[in-house]
C-alpha atoms as a PDB file:
ATOM      1  CA  MET A   1       7.203  -6.654   7.002  1.00  0.00           C
ATOM      2  CA  SER A   2       4.356  -8.208   8.688  1.00  0.00           C
ATOM      3  CA  LEU A   3       1.781 -10.902   7.970  1.00  0.00           C
ATOM      4  CA  LYS A   4       0.313 -11.408  11.210  1.00  0.00           C
ATOM      5  CA  GLY A   5      -3.436 -11.051  11.207  1.00  0.00           C
ATOM      6  CA  LYS A   6      -3.270 -10.308   7.791  1.00  0.00           C
ATOM      7  CA  VAL A   7      -6.166 -12.311   5.501  1.00  0.00           C
ATOM      8  CA  ALA A   8      -4.910 -13.814   2.347  1.00  0.00           C
ATOM      9  CA  LEU A   9      -6.867 -15.882  -0.146  1.00  0.00           C
ATOM     10  CA  VAL A  10      -4.604 -18.095  -2.876  1.00  0.00           C
ATOM     11  CA  THR A  11      -6.368 -19.584  -5.939  1.00  0.00           C
ATOM     12  CA  GLY A  12      -4.700 -23.099  -7.012  1.00  0.00           C
ATOM     13  CA  ALA A  13      -3.337 -23.669  -3.654  1.00  0.00           C
ATOM     14  CA  ALA A  14      -4.045 -27.282  -2.693  1.00  0.00           C
ATOM     15  CA  SER A  15      -0.941 -28.048  -4.776  1.00  0.00           C
ATOM     16  CA  GLY A  16       2.944 -26.847  -6.256  1.00  0.00           C
ATOM     17  CA  ILE A  17       3.463 -22.828  -6.007  1.00  0.00           C
ATOM     18  CA  GLY A  18       0.130 -22.243  -4.692  1.00  0.00           C
ATOM     19  CA  ARG A  19       0.482 -24.778  -1.749  1.00  0.00           C
ATOM     20  CA  GLU A  20       3.486 -23.595  -0.969  1.00  0.00           C
ATOM     21  CA  CYS A  21       2.439 -20.264  -0.965  1.00  0.00           C
ATOM     22  CA  VAL A  22      -0.253 -20.663   1.781  1.00  0.00           C
ATOM     23  CA  LEU A  23       2.207 -22.545   3.894  1.00  0.00           C
ATOM     24  CA  ASN A  24       4.720 -19.932   4.149  1.00  0.00           C
ATOM     25  CA  MET A  25       2.110 -17.164   4.694  1.00  0.00           C
ATOM     26  CA  ALA A  26       0.576 -19.002   7.535  1.00  0.00           C
ATOM     27  CA  ALA A  27       3.864 -19.922   8.998  1.00  0.00           C
ATOM     28  CA  LYS A  28       4.552 -16.082   9.288  1.00  0.00           C
ATOM     29  CA  GLY A  29       1.077 -15.442  10.884  1.00  0.00           C
ATOM     30  CA  ALA A  30      -1.686 -14.922   8.168  1.00  0.00           C
ATOM     31  CA  LYS A  31      -5.091 -16.546   8.425  1.00  0.00           C
ATOM     32  CA  VAL A  32      -5.280 -17.976   4.743  1.00  0.00           C
ATOM     33  CA  VAL A  33      -7.352 -19.116   2.335  1.00  0.00           C
ATOM     34  CA  ILE A  34      -6.822 -22.283  -0.075  1.00  0.00           C
ATOM     35  CA  ALA A  35      -9.061 -21.818  -3.007  1.00  0.00           C
ATOM     36  CA  ASP A  36      -9.165 -24.441  -5.196  1.00  0.00           C
ATOM     37  CA  LEU A  37     -11.060 -26.730  -7.627  1.00  0.00           C
ATOM     38  CA  SER A  38     -10.742 -29.844  -4.747  1.00  0.00           C
ATOM     39  CA  LEU A  39     -12.355 -29.035  -1.551  1.00  0.00           C
ATOM     40  CA  GLU A  40     -10.672 -32.260  -0.668  1.00  0.00           C
ATOM     41  CA  LYS A  41      -7.446 -31.500  -1.565  1.00  0.00           C
ATOM     42  CA  GLY A  42      -7.631 -28.061  -0.327  1.00  0.00           C
ATOM     43  CA  ASN A  43      -8.939 -29.385   3.106  1.00  0.00           C
ATOM     44  CA  LEU A  44      -5.570 -31.233   3.322  1.00  0.00           C
ATOM     45  CA  VAL A  45      -4.075 -28.189   3.287  1.00  0.00           C
ATOM     46  CA  VAL A  46      -5.612 -26.827   6.205  1.00  0.00           C
ATOM     47  CA  ASP A  47      -5.242 -29.721   8.292  1.00  0.00           C
ATOM     48  CA  GLU A  48      -1.676 -29.658   7.721  1.00  0.00           C
ATOM     49  CA  ILE A  49      -1.829 -25.808   8.802  1.00  0.00           C
ATOM     50  CA  LYS A  50      -4.078 -26.150  11.799  1.00  0.00           C
ATOM     51  CA  LYS A  51      -1.460 -29.032  13.174  1.00  0.00           C
ATOM     52  CA  ALA A  52       1.078 -26.389  12.990  1.00  0.00           C
ATOM     53  CA  GLY A  53      -0.800 -23.631  14.913  1.00  0.00           C
ATOM     54  CA  GLY A  54      -2.067 -21.527  12.059  1.00  0.00           C
ATOM     55  CA  GLU A  55      -5.197 -20.583  11.034  1.00  0.00           C
ATOM     56  CA  ALA A  56      -7.123 -21.743   7.360  1.00  0.00           C
ATOM     57  CA  MET A  57     -10.140 -22.600   5.497  1.00  0.00           C
ATOM     58  CA  ALA A  58     -10.608 -24.300   2.259  1.00  0.00           C
ATOM     59  CA  VAL A  59     -12.774 -23.425  -0.520  1.00  0.00           C
ATOM     60  CA  SER A  60     -14.005 -25.236  -3.760  1.00  0.00           C
ATOM     61  CA  MET A  61     -13.695 -22.674  -6.833  1.00  0.00           C
ATOM     62  CA  ASP A  62     -13.360 -22.950 -10.425  1.00  0.00           C
ATOM     63  CA  VAL A  63     -11.947 -19.439 -10.898  1.00  0.00           C
ATOM     64  CA  CYS A  64     -13.677 -19.375 -14.370  1.00  0.00           C
ATOM     65  CA  ASP A  65     -17.145 -19.533 -12.803  1.00  0.00           C
ATOM     66  CA  GLU A  66     -18.154 -15.781 -11.459  1.00  0.00           C
ATOM     67  CA  ALA A  67     -20.749 -17.378  -8.985  1.00  0.00           C
ATOM     68  CA  GLN A  68     -18.120 -19.595  -7.447  1.00  0.00           C
ATOM     69  CA  VAL A  69     -15.373 -16.789  -7.052  1.00  0.00           C
ATOM     70  CA  ASN A  70     -17.802 -14.618  -5.318  1.00  0.00           C
ATOM     71  CA  ALA A  71     -18.994 -17.294  -3.018  1.00  0.00           C
ATOM     72  CA  GLY A  72     -15.594 -18.024  -1.901  1.00  0.00           C
ATOM     73  CA  ILE A  73     -14.244 -14.687  -1.953  1.00  0.00           C
ATOM     74  CA  ASP A  74     -17.878 -13.796   0.512  1.00  0.00           C
ATOM     75  CA  ALA A  75     -17.071 -17.020   2.125  1.00  0.00           C
ATOM     76  CA  CYS A  76     -13.570 -15.748   2.965  1.00  0.00           C
ATOM     77  CA  VAL A  77     -14.995 -12.314   4.552  1.00  0.00           C
ATOM     78  CA  LYS A  78     -17.156 -13.545   6.833  1.00  0.00           C
ATOM     79  CA  ALA A  79     -14.921 -16.084   8.434  1.00  0.00           C
ATOM     80  CA  PHE A  80     -11.868 -14.189   8.807  1.00  0.00           C
ATOM     81  CA  GLY A  81     -13.417 -10.833   8.906  1.00  0.00           C
ATOM     82  CA  GLY A  82     -12.025  -9.706   5.365  1.00  0.00           C
ATOM     83  CA  ILE A  83      -9.361 -10.156   2.472  1.00  0.00           C
ATOM     84  CA  ASP A  84      -6.117  -8.337   2.885  1.00  0.00           C
ATOM     85  CA  ILE A  85      -4.229 -10.585   0.341  1.00  0.00           C
ATOM     86  CA  LEU A  86      -5.095 -11.893  -3.000  1.00  0.00           C
ATOM     87  CA  VAL A  87      -3.002 -14.627  -4.871  1.00  0.00           C
ATOM     88  CA  SER A  88      -4.098 -15.242  -8.263  1.00  0.00           C
ATOM     89  CA  ASN A  89      -2.055 -18.107  -9.114  1.00  0.00           C
ATOM     90  CA  ALA A  90      -4.768 -20.773 -10.841  1.00  0.00           C
ATOM     91  CA  GLY A  91      -3.129 -21.931 -13.847  1.00  0.00           C
ATOM     92  CA  ILE A  92      -2.777 -25.137 -16.519  1.00  0.00           C
ATOM     93  CA  GLN A  93      -0.487 -25.438 -19.680  1.00  0.00           C
ATOM     94  CA  ILE A  94      -1.218 -27.195 -22.901  1.00  0.00           C
ATOM     95  CA  VAL A  95       1.080 -27.159 -25.592  1.00  0.00           C
ATOM     96  CA  TYR A  96       0.875 -27.359 -29.269  1.00  0.00           C
ATOM     97  CA  PRO A  97       2.207 -26.086 -32.211  1.00  0.00           C
ATOM     98  CA  ILE A  98       0.569 -22.922 -33.164  1.00  0.00           C
ATOM     99  CA  GLU A  99      -0.508 -24.267 -36.481  1.00  0.00           C
ATOM    100  CA  GLU A 100      -2.125 -27.467 -34.737  1.00  0.00           C
ATOM    101  CA  PHE A 101      -3.377 -25.343 -31.785  1.00  0.00           C
ATOM    102  CA  PRO A 102      -6.658 -26.588 -30.809  1.00  0.00           C
ATOM    103  CA  PHE A 103      -9.199 -23.403 -30.439  1.00  0.00           C
ATOM    104  CA  ALA A 104     -10.949 -25.003 -27.177  1.00  0.00           C
ATOM    105  CA  ASP A 105      -7.508 -25.378 -25.456  1.00  0.00           C
ATOM    106  CA  TRP A 106      -6.742 -22.188 -26.365  1.00  0.00           C
ATOM    107  CA  LYS A 107     -10.229 -20.644 -24.800  1.00  0.00           C
ATOM    108  CA  LYS A 108      -9.340 -22.906 -21.798  1.00  0.00           C
ATOM    109  CA  LEU A 109      -5.912 -22.182 -20.947  1.00  0.00           C
ATOM    110  CA  LEU A 110      -6.998 -18.136 -21.188  1.00  0.00           C
ATOM    111  CA  SER A 111      -9.616 -18.530 -18.810  1.00  0.00           C
ATOM    112  CA  ILE A 112      -8.504 -19.833 -16.517  1.00  0.00           C
ATOM    113  CA  HIS A 113      -4.933 -17.823 -16.460  1.00  0.00           C
ATOM    114  CA  LEU A 114      -6.847 -13.978 -17.760  1.00  0.00           C
ATOM    115  CA  ASP A 115     -10.955 -14.445 -16.689  1.00  0.00           C
ATOM    116  CA  GLY A 116      -9.968 -16.278 -13.396  1.00  0.00           C
ATOM    117  CA  ALA A 117      -7.182 -13.382 -12.587  1.00  0.00           C
ATOM    118  CA  PHE A 118      -9.891 -10.937 -13.769  1.00  0.00           C
ATOM    119  CA  LEU A 119     -12.868 -12.199 -11.531  1.00  0.00           C
ATOM    120  CA  THR A 120     -10.884 -12.998  -8.337  1.00  0.00           C
ATOM    121  CA  THR A 121      -9.919  -9.482  -8.608  1.00  0.00           C
ATOM    122  CA  GLN A 122     -12.915  -8.303  -9.013  1.00  0.00           C
ATOM    123  CA  ALA A 123     -14.456  -9.899  -6.472  1.00  0.00           C
ATOM    124  CA  ALA A 124     -11.707  -9.402  -4.321  1.00  0.00           C
ATOM    125  CA  ILE A 125     -11.270  -5.451  -4.370  1.00  0.00           C
ATOM    126  CA  LYS A 126     -14.468  -4.276  -3.753  1.00  0.00           C
ATOM    127  CA  HIS A 127     -13.994  -5.924  -0.254  1.00  0.00           C
ATOM    128  CA  MET A 128     -10.517  -3.985   0.020  1.00  0.00           C
ATOM    129  CA  TYR A 129     -12.320  -0.661  -0.778  1.00  0.00           C
ATOM    130  CA  ALA A 130     -14.955  -1.193   1.551  1.00  0.00           C
ATOM    131  CA  ALA A 131     -12.753  -2.064   4.246  1.00  0.00           C
ATOM    132  CA  GLY A 132     -10.482   0.838   3.365  1.00  0.00           C
ATOM    133  CA  LYS A 133      -7.229  -0.490   4.426  1.00  0.00           C
ATOM    134  CA  GLY A 134      -5.775  -1.141   1.548  1.00  0.00           C
ATOM    135  CA  GLY A 135      -4.836  -4.555   0.342  1.00  0.00           C
ATOM    136  CA  LYS A 136      -2.258  -6.641  -1.986  1.00  0.00           C
ATOM    137  CA  ILE A 137      -3.132  -8.211  -5.074  1.00  0.00           C
ATOM    138  CA  ILE A 138      -0.456 -10.671  -6.425  1.00  0.00           C
ATOM    139  CA  TYR A 139      -0.526 -12.461  -9.939  1.00  0.00           C
ATOM    140  CA  MET A 140       1.305 -15.601 -10.501  1.00  0.00           C
ATOM    141  CA  GLY A 141       3.040 -14.474 -13.845  1.00  0.00           C
ATOM    142  CA  SER A 142       5.905 -15.984 -15.630  1.00  0.00           C
ATOM    143  CA  VAL A 143       9.436 -15.388 -17.598  1.00  0.00           C
ATOM    144  CA  HIS A 144       6.925 -15.981 -19.977  1.00  0.00           C
ATOM    145  CA  SER A 145       5.491 -12.762 -19.010  1.00  0.00           C
ATOM    146  CA  HIS A 146       8.283 -11.438 -20.597  1.00  0.00           C
ATOM    147  CA  GLU A 147       9.938 -13.905 -23.091  1.00  0.00           C
ATOM    148  CA  ALA A 148       8.211 -16.888 -25.453  1.00  0.00           C
ATOM    149  CA  SER A 149       8.792 -19.991 -25.792  1.00  0.00           C
ATOM    150  CA  LYS A 150       8.042 -22.524 -28.897  1.00  0.00           C
ATOM    151  CA  LEU A 151       4.657 -24.540 -28.361  1.00  0.00           C
ATOM    152  CA  LYS A 152       3.202 -22.259 -25.722  1.00  0.00           C
ATOM    153  CA  ALA A 153       1.320 -19.610 -28.019  1.00  0.00           C
ATOM    154  CA  ALA A 154      -1.635 -19.501 -25.629  1.00  0.00           C
ATOM    155  CA  TYR A 155       0.572 -19.666 -22.299  1.00  0.00           C
ATOM    156  CA  VAL A 156       2.737 -16.888 -23.097  1.00  0.00           C
ATOM    157  CA  THR A 157      -0.083 -14.615 -24.296  1.00  0.00           C
ATOM    158  CA  ALA A 158      -2.268 -15.106 -20.940  1.00  0.00           C
ATOM    159  CA  LYS A 159       1.093 -14.527 -19.234  1.00  0.00           C
ATOM    160  CA  HIS A 160       1.777 -11.334 -21.045  1.00  0.00           C
ATOM    161  CA  GLY A 161      -2.141 -10.861 -20.009  1.00  0.00           C
ATOM    162  CA  LEU A 162      -1.649 -10.614 -16.515  1.00  0.00           C
ATOM    163  CA  LEU A 163       1.355  -7.858 -17.177  1.00  0.00           C
ATOM    164  CA  GLY A 164      -1.328  -5.553 -18.322  1.00  0.00           C
ATOM    165  CA  LEU A 165      -4.217  -6.439 -16.089  1.00  0.00           C
ATOM    166  CA  ALA A 166      -1.958  -5.687 -13.069  1.00  0.00           C
ATOM    167  CA  ARG A 167      -0.758  -2.580 -14.138  1.00  0.00           C
ATOM    168  CA  VAL A 168      -4.432  -1.244 -14.669  1.00  0.00           C
ATOM    169  CA  VAL A 169      -5.131  -2.187 -10.874  1.00  0.00           C
ATOM    170  CA  ALA A 170      -1.858  -0.872  -9.659  1.00  0.00           C
ATOM    171  CA  LYS A 171      -3.507   2.442 -11.263  1.00  0.00           C
ATOM    172  CA  GLU A 172      -6.984   2.126 -10.017  1.00  0.00           C
ATOM    173  CA  GLY A 173      -6.171   0.406  -6.683  1.00  0.00           C
ATOM    174  CA  GLY A 174      -3.679   2.887  -5.601  1.00  0.00           C
ATOM    175  CA  PRO A 175      -6.122   5.792  -4.710  1.00  0.00           C
ATOM    176  CA  HIS A 176      -7.536   3.218  -2.427  1.00  0.00           C
ATOM    177  CA  GLY A 177      -4.231   1.650  -1.153  1.00  0.00           C
ATOM    178  CA  VAL A 178      -4.282  -1.046  -3.108  1.00  0.00           C
ATOM    179  CA  SER A 179      -1.144  -2.681  -4.794  1.00  0.00           C
ATOM    180  CA  ALA A 180      -1.007  -5.101  -7.902  1.00  0.00           C
ATOM    181  CA  ASN A 181       2.322  -7.091  -8.710  1.00  0.00           C
ATOM    182  CA  VAL A 182       3.352  -9.968 -10.770  1.00  0.00           C
ATOM    183  CA  VAL A 183       5.670 -12.495  -9.821  1.00  0.00           C
ATOM    184  CA  CYS A 184       7.574 -14.205 -12.631  1.00  0.00           C
ATOM    185  CA  PRO A 185       8.810 -17.818 -11.869  1.00  0.00           C
ATOM    186  CA  GLY A 186      11.240 -19.730 -14.210  1.00  0.00           C
ATOM    187  CA  PHE A 187      10.795 -23.239 -14.803  1.00  0.00           C
ATOM    188  CA  VAL A 188       9.574 -24.635 -10.976  1.00  0.00           C
ATOM    189  CA  ARG A 189       9.531 -28.482 -11.174  1.00  0.00           C
ATOM    190  CA  THR A 190       5.843 -28.321 -10.064  1.00  0.00           C
ATOM    191  CA  PRO A 191       3.328 -31.281 -11.599  1.00  0.00           C
ATOM    192  CA  LEU A 192       2.691 -28.885 -14.098  1.00  0.00           C
ATOM    193  CA  VAL A 193       6.455 -28.863 -15.455  1.00  0.00           C
ATOM    194  CA  GLU A 194       6.970 -32.174 -14.969  1.00  0.00           C
ATOM    195  CA  LYS A 195       3.845 -32.884 -17.400  1.00  0.00           C
ATOM    196  CA  GLN A 196       5.490 -30.631 -20.030  1.00  0.00           C
ATOM    197  CA  ILE A 197       8.841 -32.191 -20.243  1.00  0.00           C
ATOM    198  CA  PRO A 198       7.172 -35.682 -22.213  1.00  0.00           C
ATOM    199  CA  GLU A 199       4.940 -33.553 -24.347  1.00  0.00           C
ATOM    200  CA  GLN A 200       7.783 -31.286 -25.558  1.00  0.00           C
ATOM    201  CA  ALA A 201      10.117 -33.907 -25.862  1.00  0.00           C
ATOM    202  CA  ALA A 202       7.659 -35.677 -28.318  1.00  0.00           C
ATOM    203  CA  GLU A 203       6.891 -32.539 -30.051  1.00  0.00           C
ATOM    204  CA  LEU A 204      10.506 -31.183 -30.537  1.00  0.00           C
ATOM    205  CA  HIS A 205      12.014 -35.113 -31.084  1.00  0.00           C
ATOM    206  CA  ILE A 206      14.286 -34.936 -28.458  1.00  0.00           C
ATOM    207  CA  THR A 207      14.853 -37.023 -25.365  1.00  0.00           C
ATOM    208  CA  GLU A 208      13.625 -35.707 -21.624  1.00  0.00           C
ATOM    209  CA  ASP A 209      16.572 -35.006 -20.611  1.00  0.00           C
ATOM    210  CA  GLU A 210      17.473 -33.001 -23.153  1.00  0.00           C
ATOM    211  CA  VAL A 211      13.956 -30.749 -23.122  1.00  0.00           C
ATOM    212  CA  ILE A 212      15.631 -29.618 -19.177  1.00  0.00           C
ATOM    213  CA  LYS A 213      19.046 -29.337 -20.177  1.00  0.00           C
ATOM    214  CA  THR A 214      18.294 -27.425 -23.936  1.00  0.00           C
ATOM    215  CA  VAL A 215      14.865 -25.997 -23.347  1.00  0.00           C
ATOM    216  CA  MET A 216      13.843 -25.568 -19.966  1.00  0.00           C
ATOM    217  CA  LEU A 217      17.314 -24.619 -18.111  1.00  0.00           C
ATOM    218  CA  LYS A 218      19.403 -23.793 -21.072  1.00  0.00           C
ATOM    219  CA  ASP A 219      19.236 -19.699 -20.110  1.00  0.00           C
ATOM    220  CA  THR A 220      19.876 -19.904 -16.265  1.00  0.00           C
ATOM    221  CA  VAL A 221      23.211 -18.986 -14.827  1.00  0.00           C
ATOM    222  CA  ASP A 222      23.464 -22.255 -12.801  1.00  0.00           C
ATOM    223  CA  GLY A 223      21.346 -24.703 -14.925  1.00  0.00           C
ATOM    224  CA  THR A 224      19.137 -25.023 -11.789  1.00  0.00           C
ATOM    225  CA  PHE A 225      15.005 -25.369 -11.361  1.00  0.00           C
ATOM    226  CA  THR A 226      13.577 -22.508  -9.742  1.00  0.00           C
ATOM    227  CA  THR A 227      11.757 -24.003  -6.493  1.00  0.00           C
ATOM    228  CA  THR A 228       8.500 -23.623  -4.563  1.00  0.00           C
ATOM    229  CA  ASP A 229      10.087 -22.076  -1.745  1.00  0.00           C
ATOM    230  CA  ASP A 230      11.423 -19.053  -3.923  1.00  0.00           C
ATOM    231  CA  ILE A 231       8.773 -17.991  -4.978  1.00  0.00           C
ATOM    232  CA  ALA A 232       6.921 -18.406  -1.913  1.00  0.00           C
ATOM    233  CA  GLU A 233       9.125 -16.161  -0.103  1.00  0.00           C
ATOM    234  CA  MET A 234       8.916 -13.659  -2.865  1.00  0.00           C
ATOM    235  CA  VAL A 235       5.068 -13.507  -2.777  1.00  0.00           C
ATOM    236  CA  ALA A 236       5.119 -13.073   1.219  1.00  0.00           C
ATOM    237  CA  TYR A 237       7.632 -10.052   0.671  1.00  0.00           C
ATOM    238  CA  LEU A 238       5.016  -8.667  -1.713  1.00  0.00           C
ATOM    239  CA  ALA A 239       2.267  -9.781   0.632  1.00  0.00           C
ATOM    240  CA  GLY A 240       4.030  -8.346   3.835  1.00  0.00           C
ATOM    241  CA  THR A 241       5.500  -4.949   2.797  1.00  0.00           C
ATOM    242  CA  GLU A 242       4.519  -2.055   4.444  1.00  0.00           C
ATOM    243  CA  THR A 243       4.870  -0.106   0.824  1.00  0.00           C
ATOM    244  CA  ASN A 244       2.328   0.698  -1.556  1.00  0.00           C
ATOM    245  CA  ALA A 245       5.327   2.538  -3.961  1.00  0.00           C
ATOM    246  CA  ILE A 246       6.119  -0.924  -5.082  1.00  0.00           C
ATOM    247  CA  THR A 247       3.098  -1.490  -7.653  1.00  0.00           C
ATOM    248  CA  GLY A 248       2.216  -2.424 -10.756  1.00  0.00           C
ATOM    249  CA  GLN A 249       6.071  -4.004 -11.461  1.00  0.00           C
ATOM    250  CA  SER A 250       7.150  -7.479 -12.359  1.00  0.00           C
ATOM    251  CA  PHE A 251       9.300  -9.746 -10.417  1.00  0.00           C
ATOM    252  CA  ILE A 252      11.632 -12.519 -12.234  1.00  0.00           C
ATOM    253  CA  VAL A 253      12.809 -15.668 -10.356  1.00  0.00           C
ATOM    254  CA  SER A 254      14.135 -17.553 -12.461  1.00  0.00           C
ATOM    255  CA  HIS A 255      17.997 -18.231 -11.642  1.00  0.00           C
ATOM    256  CA  GLY A 256      18.843 -15.591 -14.150  1.00  0.00           C
ATOM    257  CA  TRP A 257      17.317 -16.922 -17.054  1.00  0.00           C
ATOM    258  CA  PHE A 258      15.509 -13.793 -18.006  1.00  0.00           C
ATOM    259  CA  MET A 259      17.107 -10.539 -17.223  1.00  0.00           C
ATOM    260  CA  GLN A 260      15.293  -7.419 -16.995  1.00  0.00           C
END
């Protein structure tokens, strides 16, 4: 397994899991592109990677905007000569009981998770096909790609949808040497999850500590949050493995919360 000389673009890469993924892949020799809504924050990650001796660039990208997605991936190809790895990671969380879920928020969440995954896949896979070297497409799913939780109708729907997209991409991309897989984290204590704790406490009428113990970590084997490093290592493995036998699969990283 090697990432040396590979070109990887990660969406939502200025913070959280995405940031850890680009830092880890850069440390393993990949040239990385930080695609994020905030170019300023993306450039901070670039500076960090360059100080460590790696190669990186940042692009401003709203994953729901087709023109921005195409421009960002074209910029990656122009700067680094191609794209070998796409990590579709950008996402948000919105929680409501289903009877109160605003339709506008439903559409916003699905657009970021599913439209974003589709648009970045479409833009990247064209370059992968044209280069004839294959490629790795990795979607950031969730335990909620397999399991449901209260208050998360849109998120659970979106994360289930990524499994379907990955399986189609695996079948279509296979003859071109392009694999597609889904990484499914358990609860990772990122800003996205931190925001959910008081929201769920309010909706469920329990304390924040009870949200952590009885909702988020209740079904883990050790009562422990998954870490960004755990996820970054799984992503790096899938990005760097030479085999295309691993495709159309989901990989659950959750301290045993969900066992497949």
